[in-house]
Amino acid sequence: MPKVTINDKEVEVPAGTTILDAALDNEIKLDHNCGGNCACSTCHVIVLEGMENLSEMSEDEEDMLDSAVGLTLESRLACQCKVSGPIKIKIPEKKKI
């Protein structure tokens, strides 16, 4: 089972699990306003290690990421990334308004 490290908390999940489900199943707070349907960018995460162990980015995810705050070249939407091997990610801090 792949190891997923989210903000320094390591969990093991079955291959094919999304990062969002890995977080929610392990009581790690990760915003997801649209319920994981690739209709918002609130589950934006930054992949620190293991980008090659994630499913490929779809055009829908790429389009939706354009609206993410703090976008980087390592940004992905947690609801769209299926894990196939070890990864390490961080959840970017949300700016308070």
PDB file of N, CA and C in Angstrom:
ATOM      1  N   MET A   1       0.836  -1.177   0.000  1.00  0.00           N
ATOM      2  CA  MET A   1       0.000   0.000   0.000  1.00  0.00           C
ATOM      3  C   MET A   1       0.884   1.245   0.000  1.00  0.00           C
ATOM      4  N   PRO A   2       0.562   2.202  -0.881  1.00  0.00           N
ATOM      5  CA  PRO A   2       1.367   3.421  -0.952  1.00  0.00           C
ATOM      6  C   PRO A   2       1.303   4.245   0.339  1.00  0.00           C
ATOM      7  N   LYS A   3       2.425   4.876   0.657  1.00  0.00           N
ATOM      8  CA  LYS A   3       2.484   5.788   1.801  1.00  0.00           C
ATOM      9  C   LYS A   3       2.252   7.197   1.288  1.00  0.00           C
ATOM     10  N   VAL A   4       1.335   7.884   1.942  1.00  0.00           N
ATOM     11  CA  VAL A   4       1.002   9.256   1.592  1.00  0.00           C
ATOM     12  C   VAL A   4       1.329  10.122   2.800  1.00  0.00           C
ATOM     13  N   THR A   5       2.176  11.113   2.605  1.00  0.00           N
ATOM     14  CA  THR A   5       2.515  12.042   3.670  1.00  0.00           C
ATOM     15  C   THR A   5       1.861  13.380   3.342  1.00  0.00           C
ATOM     16  N   ILE A   6       0.966  13.797   4.233  1.00  0.00           N
ATOM     17  CA  ILE A   6       0.246  15.056   4.062  1.00  0.00           C
ATOM     18  C   ILE A   6       0.576  15.947   5.252  1.00  0.00           C
ATOM     19  N   ASN A   7       1.252  17.069   4.967  1.00  0.00           N
ATOM     20  CA  ASN A   7       1.661  17.981   6.043  1.00  0.00           C
ATOM     21  C   ASN A   7       2.329  17.232   7.194  1.00  0.00           C
ATOM     22  N   ASP A   8       3.254  16.362   6.890  1.00  0.00           N
ATOM     23  CA  ASP A   8       4.056  15.610   7.861  1.00  0.00           C
ATOM     24  C   ASP A   8       3.315  14.473   8.565  1.00  0.00           C
ATOM     25  N   LYS A   9       2.061  14.189   8.210  1.00  0.00           N
ATOM     26  CA  LYS A   9       1.361  13.026   8.761  1.00  0.00           C
ATOM     27  C   LYS A   9       1.374  11.928   7.699  1.00  0.00           C
ATOM     28  N   GLU A  10       1.965  10.785   8.039  1.00  0.00           N
ATOM     29  CA  GLU A  10       2.080   9.684   7.085  1.00  0.00           C
ATOM     30  C   GLU A  10       0.970   8.671   7.305  1.00  0.00           C
ATOM     31  N   VAL A  11       0.313   8.294   6.194  1.00  0.00           N
ATOM     32  CA  VAL A  11      -0.740   7.284   6.235  1.00  0.00           C
ATOM     33  C   VAL A  11      -0.518   6.322   5.078  1.00  0.00           C
ATOM     34  N   GLU A  12      -1.067   5.122   5.197  1.00  0.00           N
ATOM     35  CA  GLU A  12      -1.023   4.158   4.100  1.00  0.00           C
ATOM     36  C   GLU A  12      -2.418   4.024   3.539  1.00  0.00           C
ATOM     37  N   VAL A  13      -2.507   3.980   2.197  1.00  0.00           N
ATOM     38  CA  VAL A  13      -3.801   3.879   1.534  1.00  0.00           C
ATOM     39  C   VAL A  13      -3.705   2.858   0.404  1.00  0.00           C
ATOM     40  N   PRO A  14      -4.833   2.248   0.031  1.00  0.00           N
ATOM     41  CA  PRO A  14      -4.815   1.351  -1.121  1.00  0.00           C
ATOM     42  C   PRO A  14      -4.465   2.113  -2.398  1.00  0.00           C
ATOM     43  N   ALA A  15      -3.737   1.485  -3.306  1.00  0.00           N
ATOM     44  CA  ALA A  15      -3.442   2.103  -4.599  1.00  0.00           C
ATOM     45  C   ALA A  15      -4.752   2.486  -5.269  1.00  0.00           C
ATOM     46  N   GLY A  16      -4.761   3.641  -5.920  1.00  0.00           N
ATOM     47  CA  GLY A  16      -5.961   4.125  -6.579  1.00  0.00           C
ATOM     48  C   GLY A  16      -6.793   5.074  -5.739  1.00  0.00           C
ATOM     49  N   THR A  17      -6.412   5.261  -4.481  1.00  0.00           N
ATOM     50  CA  THR A  17      -7.099   6.200  -3.591  1.00  0.00           C
ATOM     51  C   THR A  17      -6.709   7.616  -3.992  1.00  0.00           C
ATOM     52  N   THR A  18      -7.656   8.546  -3.966  1.00  0.00           N
ATOM     53  CA  THR A  18      -7.305   9.939  -4.236  1.00  0.00           C
ATOM     54  C   THR A  18      -6.671  10.549  -2.994  1.00  0.00           C
ATOM     55  N   ILE A  19      -5.913  11.608  -3.207  1.00  0.00           N
ATOM     56  CA  ILE A  19      -5.313  12.321  -2.082  1.00  0.00           C
ATOM     57  C   ILE A  19      -6.413  12.852  -1.168  1.00  0.00           C
ATOM     58  N   LEU A  20      -7.497  13.343  -1.744  1.00  0.00           N
ATOM     59  CA  LEU A  20      -8.606  13.849  -0.930  1.00  0.00           C
ATOM     60  C   LEU A  20      -9.162  12.758  -0.026  1.00  0.00           C
ATOM     61  N   ASP A  21      -9.417  11.568  -0.573  1.00  0.00           N
ATOM     62  CA  ASP A  21      -9.938  10.472   0.245  1.00  0.00           C
ATOM     63  C   ASP A  21      -8.923  10.032   1.295  1.00  0.00           C
ATOM     64  N   ALA A  22      -7.643  10.028   0.942  1.00  0.00           N
ATOM     65  CA  ALA A  22      -6.598   9.672   1.915  1.00  0.00           C
ATOM     66  C   ALA A  22      -6.645  10.641   3.097  1.00  0.00           C
ATOM     67  N   ALA A  23      -6.816  11.927   2.805  1.00  0.00           N
ATOM     68  CA  ALA A  23      -6.879  12.924   3.877  1.00  0.00           C
ATOM     69  C   ALA A  23      -8.139  12.732   4.718  1.00  0.00           C
ATOM     70  N   LEU A  24      -9.285  12.671   4.064  1.00  0.00           N
ATOM     71  CA  LEU A  24     -10.551  12.583   4.800  1.00  0.00           C
ATOM     72  C   LEU A  24     -10.659  11.293   5.607  1.00  0.00           C
ATOM     73  N   ASP A  25     -10.184  10.185   5.050  1.00  0.00           N
ATOM     74  CA  ASP A  25     -10.242   8.896   5.748  1.00  0.00           C
ATOM     75  C   ASP A  25      -9.340   8.858   6.974  1.00  0.00           C
ATOM     76  N   ASN A  26      -8.396   9.799   7.045  1.00  0.00           N
ATOM     77  CA  ASN A  26      -7.440   9.820   8.157  1.00  0.00           C
ATOM     78  C   ASN A  26      -7.524  11.103   8.974  1.00  0.00           C
ATOM     79  N   GLU A  27      -8.686  11.737   8.932  1.00  0.00           N
ATOM     80  CA  GLU A  27      -8.982  12.918   9.744  1.00  0.00           C
ATOM     81  C   GLU A  27      -7.976  14.052   9.556  1.00  0.00           C
ATOM     82  N   ILE A  28      -7.555  14.246   8.290  1.00  0.00           N
ATOM     83  CA  ILE A  28      -6.688  15.365   7.936  1.00  0.00           C
ATOM     84  C   ILE A  28      -7.576  16.380   7.227  1.00  0.00           C
ATOM     85  N   LYS A  29      -7.623  17.591   7.764  1.00  0.00           N
ATOM     86  CA  LYS A  29      -8.504  18.620   7.198  1.00  0.00           C
ATOM     87  C   LYS A  29      -7.985  19.073   5.834  1.00  0.00           C
ATOM     88  N   LEU A  30      -8.831  18.904   4.837  1.00  0.00           N
ATOM     89  CA  LEU A  30      -8.524  19.357   3.488  1.00  0.00           C
ATOM     90  C   LEU A  30      -9.824  19.877   2.883  1.00  0.00           C
ATOM     91  N   ASP A  31      -9.863  21.178   2.609  1.00  0.00           N
ATOM     92  CA  ASP A  31     -11.078  21.773   2.051  1.00  0.00           C
ATOM     93  C   ASP A  31     -11.460  21.086   0.746  1.00  0.00           C
ATOM     94  N   HIS A  32     -12.762  20.975   0.523  1.00  0.00           N
ATOM     95  CA  HIS A  32     -13.272  20.331  -0.699  1.00  0.00           C
ATOM     96  C   HIS A  32     -14.719  20.768  -0.936  1.00  0.00           C
ATOM     97  N   ASN A  33     -14.885  22.032  -1.293  1.00  0.00           N
ATOM     98  CA  ASN A  33     -16.212  22.628  -1.404  1.00  0.00           C
ATOM     99  C   ASN A  33     -17.141  21.917  -2.385  1.00  0.00           C
ATOM    100  N   CYS A  34     -16.609  21.357  -3.461  1.00  0.00           N
ATOM    101  CA  CYS A  34     -17.473  20.735  -4.468  1.00  0.00           C
ATOM    102  C   CYS A  34     -17.683  19.241  -4.225  1.00  0.00           C
ATOM    103  N   GLY A  35     -17.135  18.721  -3.132  1.00  0.00           N
ATOM    104  CA  GLY A  35     -17.317  17.298  -2.834  1.00  0.00           C
ATOM    105  C   GLY A  35     -16.450  16.381  -3.677  1.00  0.00           C
ATOM    106  N   GLY A  36     -15.394  16.903  -4.244  1.00  0.00           N
ATOM    107  CA  GLY A  36     -14.470  16.060  -5.013  1.00  0.00           C
ATOM    108  C   GLY A  36     -14.884  15.846  -6.452  1.00  0.00           C
ATOM    109  N   ASN A  37     -15.571  16.815  -7.040  1.00  0.00           N
ATOM    110  CA  ASN A  37     -16.075  16.665  -8.410  1.00  0.00           C
ATOM    111  C   ASN A  37     -15.329  17.506  -9.435  1.00  0.00           C
ATOM    112  N   CYS A  38     -14.177  18.036  -9.102  1.00  0.00           N
ATOM    113  CA  CYS A  38     -13.369  18.868  -9.997  1.00  0.00           C
ATOM    114  C   CYS A  38     -14.159  20.086 -10.480  1.00  0.00           C
ATOM    115  N   ALA A  39     -14.929  20.671  -9.549  1.00  0.00           N
ATOM    116  CA  ALA A  39     -15.721  21.850  -9.893  1.00  0.00           C
ATOM    117  C   ALA A  39     -15.267  23.088  -9.128  1.00  0.00           C
ATOM    118  N   CYS A  40     -14.187  22.982  -8.377  1.00  0.00           N
ATOM    119  CA  CYS A  40     -13.615  24.129  -7.670  1.00  0.00           C
ATOM    120  C   CYS A  40     -12.123  23.833  -7.484  1.00  0.00           C
ATOM    121  N   SER A  41     -11.421  24.709  -6.809  1.00  0.00           N
ATOM    122  CA  SER A  41      -9.985  24.469  -6.595  1.00  0.00           C
ATOM    123  C   SER A  41      -9.630  24.467  -5.115  1.00  0.00           C
ATOM    124  N   THR A  42     -10.612  24.248  -4.244  1.00  0.00           N
ATOM    125  CA  THR A  42     -10.350  24.335  -2.805  1.00  0.00           C
ATOM    126  C   THR A  42      -9.493  23.190  -2.277  1.00  0.00           C
ATOM    127  N   CYS A  43      -9.410  22.086  -2.999  1.00  0.00           N
ATOM    128  CA  CYS A  43      -8.578  20.955  -2.536  1.00  0.00           C
ATOM    129  C   CYS A  43      -7.176  21.005  -3.135  1.00  0.00           C
ATOM    130  N   HIS A  44      -6.762  22.183  -3.567  1.00  0.00           N
ATOM    131  CA  HIS A  44      -5.429  22.396  -4.138  1.00  0.00           C
ATOM    132  C   HIS A  44      -4.347  21.963  -3.149  1.00  0.00           C
ATOM    133  N   VAL A  45      -3.421  21.141  -3.608  1.00  0.00           N
ATOM    134  CA  VAL A  45      -2.269  20.720  -2.806  1.00  0.00           C
ATOM    135  C   VAL A  45      -1.007  20.914  -3.633  1.00  0.00           C
ATOM    136  N   ILE A  46       0.126  20.900  -2.952  1.00  0.00           N
ATOM    137  CA  ILE A  46       1.423  21.005  -3.618  1.00  0.00           C
ATOM    138  C   ILE A  46       2.179  19.704  -3.387  1.00  0.00           C
ATOM    139  N   VAL A  47       2.595  19.085  -4.467  1.00  0.00           N
ATOM    140  CA  VAL A  47       3.309  17.810  -4.399  1.00  0.00           C
ATOM    141  C   VAL A  47       4.788  18.098  -4.184  1.00  0.00           C
ATOM    142  N   LEU A  48       5.316  17.625  -3.062  1.00  0.00           N
ATOM    143  CA  LEU A  48       6.727  17.840  -2.725  1.00  0.00           C
ATOM    144  C   LEU A  48       7.602  16.710  -3.252  1.00  0.00           C
ATOM    145  N   GLU A  49       7.072  15.491  -3.237  1.00  0.00           N
ATOM    146  CA  GLU A  49       7.799  14.306  -3.726  1.00  0.00           C
ATOM    147  C   GLU A  49       6.800  13.322  -4.296  1.00  0.00           C
ATOM    148  N   GLY A  50       7.207  12.615  -5.355  1.00  0.00           N
ATOM    149  CA  GLY A  50       6.395  11.522  -5.872  1.00  0.00           C
ATOM    150  C   GLY A  50       5.382  11.887  -6.943  1.00  0.00           C
ATOM    151  N   MET A  51       5.577  12.981  -7.657  1.00  0.00           N
ATOM    152  CA  MET A  51       4.641  13.374  -8.709  1.00  0.00           C
ATOM    153  C   MET A  51       4.440  12.229  -9.703  1.00  0.00           C
ATOM    154  N   GLU A  52       5.478  11.442  -9.924  1.00  0.00           N
ATOM    155  CA  GLU A  52       5.389  10.319 -10.863  1.00  0.00           C
ATOM    156  C   GLU A  52       4.470   9.206 -10.346  1.00  0.00           C
ATOM    157  N   ASN A  53       4.104   9.251  -9.080  1.00  0.00           N
ATOM    158  CA  ASN A  53       3.232   8.229  -8.482  1.00  0.00           C
ATOM    159  C   ASN A  53       1.775   8.677  -8.406  1.00  0.00           C
ATOM    160  N   LEU A  54       1.434   9.692  -9.190  1.00  0.00           N
ATOM    161  CA  LEU A  54       0.056  10.177  -9.250  1.00  0.00           C
ATOM    162  C   LEU A  54      -0.490   9.988 -10.659  1.00  0.00           C
ATOM    163  N   SER A  55      -1.805   9.854 -10.753  1.00  0.00           N
ATOM    164  CA  SER A  55      -2.444   9.741 -12.060  1.00  0.00           C
ATOM    165  C   SER A  55      -2.167  11.013 -12.867  1.00  0.00           C
ATOM    166  N   GLU A  56      -2.268  10.883 -14.193  1.00  0.00           N
ATOM    167  CA  GLU A  56      -2.011  12.037 -15.052  1.00  0.00           C
ATOM    168  C   GLU A  56      -3.089  13.098 -14.877  1.00  0.00           C
ATOM    169  N   MET A  57      -2.707  14.339 -15.115  1.00  0.00           N
ATOM    170  CA  MET A  57      -3.634  15.449 -14.982  1.00  0.00           C
ATOM    171  C   MET A  57      -4.559  15.511 -16.199  1.00  0.00           C
ATOM    172  N   SER A  58      -5.852  15.615 -15.935  1.00  0.00           N
ATOM    173  CA  SER A  58      -6.828  15.755 -17.015  1.00  0.00           C
ATOM    174  C   SER A  58      -6.917  17.226 -17.436  1.00  0.00           C
ATOM    175  N   GLU A  59      -7.536  17.478 -18.587  1.00  0.00           N
ATOM    176  CA  GLU A  59      -7.741  18.860 -19.022  1.00  0.00           C
ATOM    177  C   GLU A  59      -8.640  19.607 -18.047  1.00  0.00           C
ATOM    178  N   ASP A  60      -9.658  18.914 -17.510  1.00  0.00           N
ATOM    179  CA  ASP A  60     -10.555  19.541 -16.545  1.00  0.00           C
ATOM    180  C   ASP A  60      -9.790  19.999 -15.309  1.00  0.00           C
ATOM    181  N   GLU A  61      -8.890  19.125 -14.802  1.00  0.00           N
ATOM    182  CA  GLU A  61      -8.103  19.499 -13.627  1.00  0.00           C
ATOM    183  C   GLU A  61      -7.186  20.674 -13.954  1.00  0.00           C
ATOM    184  N   GLU A  62      -6.559  20.627 -15.101  1.00  0.00           N
ATOM    185  CA  GLU A  62      -5.655  21.705 -15.507  1.00  0.00           C
ATOM    186  C   GLU A  62      -6.401  23.038 -15.586  1.00  0.00           C
ATOM    187  N   ASP A  63      -7.600  23.026 -16.172  1.00  0.00           N
ATOM    188  CA  ASP A  63      -8.411  24.244 -16.267  1.00  0.00           C
ATOM    189  C   ASP A  63      -8.814  24.750 -14.888  1.00  0.00           C
ATOM    190  N   MET A  64      -9.224  23.836 -14.002  1.00  0.00           N
ATOM    191  CA  MET A  64      -9.684  24.225 -12.673  1.00  0.00           C
ATOM    192  C   MET A  64      -8.524  24.755 -11.826  1.00  0.00           C
ATOM    193  N   LEU A  65      -7.332  24.215 -12.012  1.00  0.00           N
ATOM    194  CA  LEU A  65      -6.163  24.672 -11.246  1.00  0.00           C
ATOM    195  C   LEU A  65      -5.842  26.130 -11.519  1.00  0.00           C
ATOM    196  N   ASP A  66      -6.215  26.629 -12.697  1.00  0.00           N
ATOM    197  CA  ASP A  66      -5.937  28.029 -13.021  1.00  0.00           C
ATOM    198  C   ASP A  66      -6.546  28.985 -12.008  1.00  0.00           C
ATOM    199  N   SER A  67      -7.580  28.545 -11.308  1.00  0.00           N
ATOM    200  CA  SER A  67      -8.225  29.418 -10.318  1.00  0.00           C
ATOM    201  C   SER A  67      -7.712  29.185  -8.894  1.00  0.00           C
ATOM    202  N   ALA A  68      -6.741  28.301  -8.724  1.00  0.00           N
ATOM    203  CA  ALA A  68      -6.203  28.012  -7.388  1.00  0.00           C
ATOM    204  C   ALA A  68      -5.309  29.147  -6.898  1.00  0.00           C
ATOM    205  N   VAL A  69      -5.447  29.465  -5.620  1.00  0.00           N
ATOM    206  CA  VAL A  69      -4.604  30.479  -4.992  1.00  0.00           C
ATOM    207  C   VAL A  69      -3.243  29.844  -4.692  1.00  0.00           C
ATOM    208  N   GLY A  70      -2.159  30.540  -5.041  1.00  0.00           N
ATOM    209  CA  GLY A  70      -0.819  30.032  -4.745  1.00  0.00           C
ATOM    210  C   GLY A  70      -0.369  28.926  -5.684  1.00  0.00           C
ATOM    211  N   LEU A  71      -0.841  28.941  -6.906  1.00  0.00           N
ATOM    212  CA  LEU A  71      -0.522  27.917  -7.901  1.00  0.00           C
ATOM    213  C   LEU A  71       0.985  27.801  -8.128  1.00  0.00           C
ATOM    214  N   THR A  72       1.485  26.564  -8.190  1.00  0.00           N
ATOM    215  CA  THR A  72       2.890  26.300  -8.489  1.00  0.00           C
ATOM    216  C   THR A  72       2.960  25.242  -9.589  1.00  0.00           C
ATOM    217  N   LEU A  73       4.146  24.961 -10.065  1.00  0.00           N
ATOM    218  CA  LEU A  73       4.320  23.907 -11.073  1.00  0.00           C
ATOM    219  C   LEU A  73       4.042  22.522 -10.480  1.00  0.00           C
ATOM    220  N   GLU A  74       4.051  22.414  -9.155  1.00  0.00           N
ATOM    221  CA  GLU A  74       3.805  21.144  -8.479  1.00  0.00           C
ATOM    222  C   GLU A  74       2.384  21.057  -7.929  1.00  0.00           C
ATOM    223  N   SER A  75       1.503  21.966  -8.328  1.00  0.00           N
ATOM    224  CA  SER A  75       0.128  21.986  -7.829  1.00  0.00           C
ATOM    225  C   SER A  75      -0.723  20.901  -8.490  1.00  0.00           C
ATOM    226  N   ARG A  76      -1.604  20.324  -7.689  1.00  0.00           N
ATOM    227  CA  ARG A  76      -2.602  19.371  -8.176  1.00  0.00           C
ATOM    228  C   ARG A  76      -3.872  19.552  -7.350  1.00  0.00           C
ATOM    229  N   LEU A  77      -4.976  19.028  -7.866  1.00  0.00           N
ATOM    230  CA  LEU A  77      -6.224  18.982  -7.107  1.00  0.00           C
ATOM    231  C   LEU A  77      -6.303  17.621  -6.437  1.00  0.00           C
ATOM    232  N   ALA A  78      -6.442  17.627  -5.132  1.00  0.00           N
ATOM    233  CA  ALA A  78      -6.420  16.377  -4.358  1.00  0.00           C
ATOM    234  C   ALA A  78      -7.533  15.420  -4.764  1.00  0.00           C
ATOM    235  N   CYS A  79      -8.661  15.953  -5.231  1.00  0.00           N
ATOM    236  CA  CYS A  79      -9.781  15.091  -5.604  1.00  0.00           C
ATOM    237  C   CYS A  79      -9.523  14.344  -6.901  1.00  0.00           C
ATOM    238  N   GLN A  80      -8.549  14.781  -7.684  1.00  0.00           N
ATOM    239  CA  GLN A  80      -8.295  14.188  -8.997  1.00  0.00           C
ATOM    240  C   GLN A  80      -7.063  13.295  -9.044  1.00  0.00           C
ATOM    241  N   CYS A  81      -6.226  13.336  -8.025  1.00  0.00           N
ATOM    242  CA  CYS A  81      -4.967  12.581  -8.017  1.00  0.00           C
ATOM    243  C   CYS A  81      -5.148  11.211  -7.393  1.00  0.00           C
ATOM    244  N   LYS A  82      -4.990  10.168  -8.190  1.00  0.00           N
ATOM    245  CA  LYS A  82      -5.010   8.810  -7.640  1.00  0.00           C
ATOM    246  C   LYS A  82      -3.571   8.378  -7.396  1.00  0.00           C
ATOM    247  N   VAL A  83      -3.349   7.815  -6.210  1.00  0.00           N
ATOM    248  CA  VAL A  83      -2.010   7.464  -5.748  1.00  0.00           C
ATOM    249  C   VAL A  83      -1.648   6.041  -6.179  1.00  0.00           C
ATOM    250  N   SER A  84      -0.422   5.880  -6.720  1.00  0.00           N
ATOM    251  CA  SER A  84       0.055   4.544  -7.088  1.00  0.00           C
ATOM    252  C   SER A  84       1.356   4.181  -6.379  1.00  0.00           C
ATOM    253  N   GLY A  85       1.932   5.129  -5.654  1.00  0.00           N
ATOM    254  CA  GLY A  85       3.183   4.910  -4.943  1.00  0.00           C
ATOM    255  C   GLY A  85       3.353   5.999  -3.901  1.00  0.00           C
ATOM    256  N   PRO A  86       4.499   6.020  -3.216  1.00  0.00           N
ATOM    257  CA  PRO A  86       4.700   6.990  -2.143  1.00  0.00           C
ATOM    258  C   PRO A  86       4.705   8.432  -2.659  1.00  0.00           C
ATOM    259  N   ILE A  87       4.046   9.308  -1.910  1.00  0.00           N
ATOM    260  CA  ILE A  87       4.025  10.724  -2.237  1.00  0.00           C
ATOM    261  C   ILE A  87       4.126  11.542  -0.955  1.00  0.00           C
ATOM    262  N   LYS A  88       4.553  12.770  -1.123  1.00  0.00           N
ATOM    263  CA  LYS A  88       4.600  13.715  -0.005  1.00  0.00           C
ATOM    264  C   LYS A  88       4.013  15.012  -0.524  1.00  0.00           C
ATOM    265  N   ILE A  89       2.995  15.518   0.184  1.00  0.00           N
ATOM    266  CA  ILE A  89       2.352  16.751  -0.240  1.00  0.00           C
ATOM    267  C   ILE A  89       2.196  17.702   0.930  1.00  0.00           C
ATOM    268  N   LYS A  90       1.934  18.954   0.591  1.00  0.00           N
ATOM    269  CA  LYS A  90       1.562  19.919   1.633  1.00  0.00           C
ATOM    270  C   LYS A  90       0.288  20.611   1.183  1.00  0.00           C
ATOM    271  N   ILE A  91      -0.508  20.948   2.167  1.00  0.00           N
ATOM    272  CA  ILE A  91      -1.727  21.702   1.926  1.00  0.00           C
ATOM    273  C   ILE A  91      -1.361  23.167   2.129  1.00  0.00           C
ATOM    274  N   PRO A  92      -1.462  23.979   1.081  1.00  0.00           N
ATOM    275  CA  PRO A  92      -1.084  25.389   1.263  1.00  0.00           C
ATOM    276  C   PRO A  92      -2.032  26.098   2.221  1.00  0.00           C
ATOM    277  N   GLU A  93      -1.488  27.044   2.963  1.00  0.00           N
ATOM    278  CA  GLU A  93      -2.312  27.813   3.902  1.00  0.00           C
ATOM    279  C   GLU A  93      -3.264  28.694   3.121  1.00  0.00           C
ATOM    280  N   LYS A  94      -4.502  28.756   3.605  1.00  0.00           N
ATOM    281  CA  LYS A  94      -5.516  29.623   3.000  1.00  0.00           C
ATOM    282  C   LYS A  94      -5.374  31.006   3.618  1.00  0.00           C
ATOM    283  N   LYS A  95      -5.421  32.017   2.783  1.00  0.00           N
ATOM    284  CA  LYS A  95      -5.319  33.389   3.283  1.00  0.00           C
ATOM    285  C   LYS A  95      -6.644  33.792   3.888  1.00  0.00           C
ATOM    286  N   LYS A  96      -6.575  34.394   5.046  1.00  0.00           N
ATOM    287  CA  LYS A  96      -7.765  34.897   5.735  1.00  0.00           C
ATOM    288  C   LYS A  96      -8.167  36.222   5.111  1.00  0.00           C
ATOM    289  N   ILE A  97      -9.456  36.366   4.933  1.00  0.00           N
ATOM    290  CA  ILE A  97      -9.958  37.621   4.332  1.00  0.00           C
ATOM    291  C   ILE A  97     -10.502  38.508   5.431  1.00  0.00           C
TER     292      ILE A  97
END
